[in-house]
Amino acid sequence: MKVATVSQQGFVPTGAESAGIASGPISTTESSPATVTQSDRKQSNPFWTWLKAFMSVHWRIVLAIFCTIGVVVFPFAGEGTGEKIGGTLMYLIGAVVFWTLHRRHAATKLVPKSETAPELRDRLDISIDDGWSRRLSSCREKASVFNEVGSATKSETVKSWLSSMSDEIDAQLVLADDLAALGRSLEPQFDGSDEPTNPAAAEAWSRLEEFEVGLNEAITGAAQVRLNSLSPANNLESIRGQLDMLKSQLPTLDPR
């Protein structure tokens, strides 16, 4: 018996379905390739890849050079006198900030870093309540106050100078940690009520005490500089002189 279908109504007999005859049209459309976006083209562009790698490392000096050129060019580019002065000052502040960042970045790259240094250097466990941990915690707290005074300064130029001093104090805190760890290893039960009996521990305690007192004076000096930077009667040169004096009086644990 011959099996027939009604094509107009799409009717397929039961026998045809069991024989595996398809009832719908077979799609011959292939999936279209993914569209190449502009970001994909940039990522595959060798120049774009090189530019991103270059700027990720050298963005400080690039912006410093750009702002320096702006200081020279902008006085002749503005339309009004106020616009020229304002634009030139903005470029000048930017040049000072980015040149400072570049110098600090270059200085840190010159210092060799050892991967095993943190493991070899003893660090003081401040969870132990004794004289060494209390004095070290006090030094860290005062250094944090100095950093807060500098970061809250409105003048960007003065803020960058105080920031460089904060870096020096943070470097001294590493030595303070070493001195406190040395003192505890010599006199682990020292509570800070009197002087250590061991000569080396006594010297470490004395140097930490001088560093703590010096941090108090540094905080006072930084606060005075910040206050003077808000006064219109003081120019940048007089504030720079105060900053130079403050930098020369920063507390240090290095042998003198």
Protein backbone atom coordinates (compact mmCIF):
# COMPACT_ATOMS: atom_id res chain seq x y z
CA MET A 1 0.00 0.00 0.00
CA LYS A 2 1.40 3.44 -0.93
CA VAL A 3 1.66 6.07 1.83
CA ALA A 4 0.70 9.61 0.78
CA THR A 5 0.92 12.97 2.56
CA VAL A 6 -1.11 16.11 2.30
CA SER A 7 1.50 18.81 1.67
CA GLN A 8 -0.83 21.77 1.97
CA GLN A 9 -1.74 20.99 5.57
CA GLY A 10 1.59 19.56 6.65
CA PHE A 11 -0.01 16.21 7.52
CA VAL A 12 2.36 13.30 7.96
CA PRO A 13 0.96 9.77 8.46
CA THR A 14 1.90 7.85 11.55
CA GLY A 15 3.81 5.35 9.54
CA ALA A 16 5.96 8.04 8.02
CA GLU A 17 6.86 9.42 11.50
CA SER A 18 7.91 5.96 12.67
CA ALA A 19 10.03 5.53 9.56
CA GLY A 20 12.01 8.67 10.48
CA ILE A 21 10.63 11.06 7.83
CA ALA A 22 11.20 14.69 8.96
CA SER A 23 8.08 16.78 9.22
CA GLY A 24 9.68 20.26 9.22
CA PRO A 25 12.01 22.08 6.88
CA ILE A 26 15.71 21.49 7.32
CA SER A 27 17.59 24.66 8.22
CA THR A 28 20.62 25.27 6.08
CA THR A 29 21.59 28.57 7.72
CA GLU A 30 25.09 28.47 9.28
CA SER A 31 26.06 30.47 12.36
CA SER A 32 27.64 33.76 11.43
CA PRO A 33 31.15 34.48 12.65
CA ALA A 34 31.52 36.72 15.73
CA THR A 35 31.71 40.42 15.00
CA VAL A 36 35.17 41.93 15.63
CA THR A 37 34.71 44.90 17.95
CA GLN A 38 36.88 47.98 18.16
CA SER A 39 38.31 46.91 21.54
CA ASP A 40 39.35 43.56 20.01
CA ARG A 41 41.16 45.37 17.23
CA LYS A 42 42.96 47.54 19.79
CA GLN A 43 44.04 44.52 21.79
CA SER A 44 45.38 42.81 18.69
CA ASN A 45 47.18 45.96 17.56
CA PRO A 46 50.89 45.68 18.52
CA PHE A 47 51.24 49.46 18.86
CA TRP A 48 48.29 49.68 21.26
CA THR A 49 49.70 46.83 23.34
CA TRP A 50 53.11 48.50 23.48
CA LEU A 51 51.55 51.87 24.40
CA LYS A 52 49.61 50.39 27.33
CA ALA A 53 52.70 48.59 28.62
CA PHE A 54 54.79 51.77 28.27
CA MET A 55 52.26 54.02 30.06
CA SER A 56 51.75 51.54 32.90
CA VAL A 57 55.42 51.99 33.81
CA HIS A 58 56.32 55.52 32.64
CA TRP A 59 53.06 57.45 33.18
CA ARG A 60 54.66 59.63 35.87
CA ILE A 61 57.44 61.04 33.71
CA VAL A 62 55.12 61.36 30.68
CA LEU A 63 52.66 63.49 32.68
CA ALA A 64 55.54 65.43 34.25
CA ILE A 65 56.92 66.34 30.82
CA PHE A 66 53.43 67.20 29.56
CA CYS A 67 52.77 69.56 32.49
CA THR A 68 56.24 71.13 32.13
CA ILE A 69 55.54 71.90 28.48
CA GLY A 70 52.18 73.33 29.55
CA VAL A 71 53.91 75.72 31.96
CA VAL A 72 55.98 77.11 29.07
CA VAL A 73 53.26 77.13 26.40
CA PHE A 74 50.05 78.05 28.24
CA PRO A 75 50.99 81.70 29.05
CA PHE A 76 50.85 82.35 25.29
CA ALA A 77 47.77 80.20 24.59
CA GLY A 78 45.05 81.64 26.85
CA GLU A 79 42.74 84.43 25.77
CA GLY A 80 42.52 86.41 29.01
CA THR A 81 45.06 87.24 31.70
CA GLY A 82 43.18 85.33 34.39
CA GLU A 83 42.93 82.30 32.16
CA LYS A 84 46.66 82.40 31.43
CA ILE A 85 47.62 82.72 35.11
CA GLY A 86 45.18 80.04 36.29
CA GLY A 87 46.14 77.56 33.61
CA THR A 88 49.85 78.12 34.14
CA LEU A 89 49.50 77.56 37.90
CA MET A 90 47.59 74.31 37.33
CA TYR A 91 50.30 73.03 34.98
CA LEU A 92 52.98 74.13 37.47
CA ILE A 93 51.33 72.22 40.34
CA GLY A 94 50.92 69.17 38.11
CA ALA A 95 54.57 69.34 37.04
CA VAL A 96 55.77 69.50 40.67
CA VAL A 97 53.53 66.59 41.74
CA PHE A 98 54.38 64.28 38.83
CA TRP A 99 58.12 65.04 38.89
CA THR A 100 58.06 64.25 42.63
CA LEU A 101 56.23 60.97 41.98
CA HIS A 102 58.73 60.09 39.25
CA ARG A 103 61.73 60.76 41.50
CA ARG A 104 60.25 58.67 44.31
CA HIS A 105 59.45 55.84 41.89
CA ALA A 106 62.97 55.93 40.45
CA ALA A 107 64.47 55.93 43.95
CA THR A 108 62.50 52.85 45.01
CA LYS A 109 63.65 50.95 41.91
CA LEU A 110 67.29 51.60 42.81
CA VAL A 111 66.88 49.85 46.18
CA PRO A 112 67.40 46.08 45.72
CA LYS A 113 64.63 43.96 47.20
CA SER A 114 65.34 40.52 48.56
CA GLU A 115 62.56 37.96 48.47
CA THR A 116 63.86 36.35 51.65
CA ALA A 117 64.35 39.61 53.57
CA PRO A 118 60.93 39.58 55.34
CA GLU A 119 61.61 36.02 56.54
CA LEU A 120 65.13 36.73 57.78
CA ARG A 121 64.31 39.97 59.63
CA ASP A 122 62.80 39.59 63.10
CA ARG A 123 59.53 41.45 63.56
CA LEU A 124 58.18 42.36 66.95
CA ASP A 125 54.97 40.64 68.01
CA ILE A 126 52.96 43.57 69.39
CA SER A 127 50.29 41.23 70.74
CA ILE A 128 52.62 40.68 73.72
CA ASP A 129 52.01 43.43 76.26
CA ASP A 130 55.42 44.65 77.42
CA GLY A 131 57.48 47.83 77.29
CA TRP A 132 58.84 47.14 73.81
CA SER A 133 55.45 46.63 72.18
CA ARG A 134 53.93 49.68 73.90
CA ARG A 135 56.74 51.97 72.79
CA LEU A 136 56.70 50.64 69.22
CA SER A 137 52.91 51.00 69.04
CA SER A 138 53.23 54.59 70.25
CA CYS A 139 55.80 55.35 67.54
CA ARG A 140 53.57 53.84 64.86
CA GLU A 141 50.58 55.85 66.07
CA LYS A 142 52.53 59.13 66.01
CA ALA A 143 53.86 58.38 62.52
CA SER A 144 50.26 57.79 61.41
CA VAL A 145 49.28 61.20 62.81
CA PHE A 146 52.10 62.83 60.84
CA ASN A 147 50.86 61.12 57.66
CA GLU A 148 47.30 62.34 58.32
CA VAL A 149 48.46 65.94 58.77
CA GLY A 150 50.30 65.78 55.44
CA SER A 151 47.48 64.11 53.51
CA ALA A 152 44.90 66.63 54.79
CA THR A 153 46.92 69.64 53.61
CA LYS A 154 45.06 71.66 50.97
CA SER A 155 48.13 72.86 49.06
CA GLU A 156 49.17 70.11 46.63
CA THR A 157 52.79 71.28 46.58
CA VAL A 158 53.10 71.27 50.38
CA LYS A 159 51.27 67.94 50.52
CA SER A 160 53.82 66.34 48.16
CA TRP A 161 56.73 67.62 50.27
CA LEU A 162 55.16 66.31 53.48
CA SER A 163 54.46 63.01 51.73
CA SER A 164 58.17 62.55 50.99
CA MET A 165 58.90 63.16 54.68
CA SER A 166 56.28 60.56 55.60
CA ASP A 167 58.17 58.04 53.48
CA GLU A 168 61.35 58.76 55.45
CA ILE A 169 59.54 58.29 58.76
CA ASP A 170 58.05 55.00 57.53
CA ALA A 171 61.56 53.82 56.67
CA GLN A 172 62.66 54.66 60.21
CA LEU A 173 59.78 52.61 61.61
CA VAL A 174 61.42 49.53 60.08
CA LEU A 175 64.52 50.25 62.17
CA ALA A 176 62.33 50.87 65.22
CA ASP A 177 60.81 47.42 64.74
CA ASP A 178 64.30 45.91 64.61
CA LEU A 179 65.42 47.74 67.76
CA ALA A 180 62.33 46.66 69.69
CA ALA A 181 62.80 43.04 68.56
CA LEU A 182 66.45 43.18 69.62
CA GLY A 183 65.54 44.61 73.02
CA ARG A 184 62.91 41.96 73.64
CA SER A 185 65.34 39.18 72.72
CA LEU A 186 67.77 40.52 75.34
CA GLU A 187 65.20 41.35 78.03
CA PRO A 188 61.90 39.63 77.23
CA GLN A 189 60.26 40.53 80.56
CA PHE A 190 60.97 44.28 80.39
CA ASP A 191 57.80 46.24 81.21
CA GLY A 192 59.11 49.77 80.55
CA SER A 193 58.79 51.03 84.12
CA ASP A 194 62.55 51.54 84.45
CA GLU A 195 65.69 51.19 82.33
CA PRO A 196 66.83 47.83 80.93
CA THR A 197 69.77 46.27 82.71
CA ASN A 198 71.43 44.87 79.59
CA PRO A 199 73.63 47.58 77.97
CA ALA A 200 72.53 46.78 74.41
CA ALA A 201 68.88 46.67 75.41
CA ALA A 202 69.30 49.97 77.27
CA GLU A 203 70.76 51.62 74.17
CA ALA A 204 67.89 50.30 72.03
CA TRP A 205 65.37 51.61 74.56
CA SER A 206 67.04 55.03 74.65
CA ARG A 207 67.08 55.36 70.85
CA LEU A 208 63.41 54.37 70.66
CA GLU A 209 62.58 56.97 73.31
CA GLU A 210 64.40 59.71 71.37
CA PHE A 211 62.59 58.65 68.18
CA GLU A 212 59.22 58.87 69.92
CA VAL A 213 59.96 62.36 71.28
CA GLY A 214 61.20 63.45 67.84
CA LEU A 215 57.92 62.28 66.28
CA ASN A 216 56.01 64.58 68.65
CA GLU A 217 58.10 67.53 67.48
CA ALA A 218 57.70 66.51 63.84
CA ILE A 219 53.90 66.44 64.20
CA THR A 220 53.95 69.92 65.70
CA GLY A 221 56.16 71.21 62.88
CA ALA A 222 54.00 69.63 60.17
CA ALA A 223 50.85 71.12 61.71
CA GLN A 224 52.49 74.56 61.76
CA VAL A 225 53.50 74.25 58.11
CA ARG A 226 49.98 73.21 57.19
CA LEU A 227 48.58 76.21 59.09
CA ASN A 228 50.98 78.60 57.37
CA SER A 229 50.09 77.21 53.94
CA LEU A 230 46.51 78.39 54.53
CA SER A 231 47.58 81.95 55.29
CA PRO A 232 47.68 84.28 52.25
CA ALA A 233 50.45 86.32 53.93
CA ASN A 234 52.99 83.48 53.52
CA ASN A 235 54.42 82.78 50.09
CA LEU A 236 55.67 79.47 48.79
CA GLU A 237 59.34 80.32 49.38
CA SER A 238 58.88 80.99 53.11
CA ILE A 239 56.92 77.75 53.48
CA ARG A 240 59.65 75.92 51.59
CA GLY A 241 62.18 77.21 54.12
CA GLN A 242 60.03 75.87 56.97
CA LEU A 243 59.76 72.52 55.22
CA ASP A 244 63.52 72.32 54.75
CA MET A 245 64.00 72.99 58.45
CA LEU A 246 61.39 70.36 59.34
CA LYS A 247 63.09 67.81 57.10
CA SER A 248 66.46 68.44 58.73
CA GLN A 249 64.88 67.88 62.16
CA LEU A 250 63.07 64.65 61.35
CA PRO A 251 63.72 61.94 63.96
CA THR A 252 66.09 59.20 62.91
CA LEU A 253 67.29 55.93 64.40
CA ASP A 254 70.42 55.84 62.26
CA PRO A 255 73.68 56.10 64.22
CA ARG A 256 74.94 59.69 64.25
